[in-house]
Protein backbone atom coordinates (compact mmCIF):
# COMPACT_ATOMS: atom_id res chain seq x y z
CA MET A 1 55.18 30.67 54.40
CA THR A 2 54.87 29.80 58.06
CA SER A 3 56.65 26.63 59.11
CA ASP A 4 54.86 23.77 60.84
CA ALA A 5 57.06 24.29 63.90
CA SER A 6 56.00 27.94 64.12
CA ILE A 7 52.34 27.00 63.86
CA ARG A 8 52.72 24.34 66.58
CA ALA A 9 54.52 26.82 68.83
CA TYR A 10 51.77 29.41 68.32
CA LEU A 11 49.03 26.90 69.10
CA ALA A 12 50.92 25.81 72.23
CA ILE A 13 50.77 29.30 73.80
CA PRO A 14 49.11 28.79 77.18
CA ASP A 15 45.87 30.73 77.70
CA LEU A 16 45.98 32.27 74.20
CA GLU A 17 42.21 32.75 74.05
CA ARG A 18 42.15 34.20 77.58
CA ARG A 19 44.86 36.69 76.65
CA GLN A 20 42.99 37.74 73.50
CA GLU A 21 39.81 38.14 75.53
CA LYS A 22 41.64 40.28 78.13
CA VAL A 23 42.94 42.62 75.41
CA LEU A 24 39.55 42.78 73.69
CA ARG A 25 37.69 43.57 76.94
CA THR A 26 40.22 46.30 77.77
CA ILE A 27 39.68 47.87 74.33
CA GLU A 28 35.91 47.69 74.83
CA ARG A 29 36.22 49.49 78.19
CA CYS A 30 38.74 52.04 76.89
CA PRO A 31 38.06 52.84 73.21
CA GLY A 32 40.88 54.82 71.66
CA ALA A 33 43.54 53.09 73.78
CA SER A 34 46.95 52.34 72.29
CA SER A 35 48.81 49.06 72.73
CA CYS A 36 50.91 50.65 75.50
CA ASP A 37 47.77 51.94 77.22
CA ILE A 38 46.26 48.46 77.04
CA ALA A 39 49.42 46.88 78.46
CA ARG A 40 49.40 49.28 81.41
CA ILE A 41 45.66 48.88 82.09
CA ALA A 42 45.61 45.08 81.70
CA HIS A 43 48.97 44.52 83.48
CA MET A 44 50.40 42.68 80.48
CA GLU A 45 53.71 42.83 78.64
CA PRO A 46 53.60 45.28 75.69
CA TRP A 47 54.92 42.69 73.21
CA ASN A 48 52.20 40.27 74.29
CA VAL A 49 49.50 42.93 73.82
CA ARG A 50 50.82 43.84 70.36
CA ASN A 51 50.70 40.18 69.28
CA ARG A 52 47.13 39.82 70.54
CA ILE A 53 46.14 43.06 68.78
CA THR A 54 47.51 41.70 65.51
CA GLU A 55 45.41 38.55 65.95
CA LEU A 56 42.28 40.53 66.86
CA LEU A 57 42.76 42.87 63.87
CA LYS A 58 43.07 39.89 61.51
CA ALA A 59 39.93 38.35 63.04
CA GLY A 60 38.01 41.60 62.56
CA SER A 61 37.28 41.90 66.29
CA ILE A 62 38.91 45.33 66.59
CA ARG A 63 39.91 48.14 64.26
CA VAL A 64 42.29 51.10 64.16
CA VAL A 65 40.39 54.35 64.75
CA GLY A 66 43.18 56.90 64.71
CA THR A 67 46.55 57.87 66.09
CA LYS A 68 47.79 59.86 69.05
CA ARG A 69 51.06 60.79 70.70
CA ASP A 70 51.99 58.40 73.51
CA ARG A 71 52.41 60.36 76.75
CA LEU A 72 55.40 58.30 77.91
CA THR A 73 57.37 57.72 74.71
CA GLY A 74 56.31 60.73 72.65
CA ARG A 75 55.82 58.43 69.65
CA THR A 76 52.78 58.42 67.41
CA VAL A 77 50.77 55.27 68.16
CA ARG A 78 47.61 53.65 66.82
CA GLN A 79 44.34 53.79 68.71
CA TYR A 80 41.95 50.83 68.74
CA GLU A 81 38.28 50.14 69.34
CA ALA A 82 36.09 47.06 69.21
CA ALA A 83 34.40 46.37 65.89
CA GLU A 84 30.71 47.36 65.88
CA ASP A 85 29.42 43.98 64.78
CA LEU A 86 30.47 42.21 68.00
């Protein structure tokens, strides 16, 4: 269970909706991008992008469409695209 303090801290994130929108718009422009790709393109911190991706996945705004090997890390990463019903 999430504590009340955690919920308050989450809701206090400045520009949360703007950050989500920035990640979503980047995914719309670059379908198949990974979280690291999105961070590089949008000039955001990777951890911040991953958190926004989690929120957007839960909201049904985006979906995982596959995997690929990241060109910088060599790791297998998820690829994302905007959900069709947007």
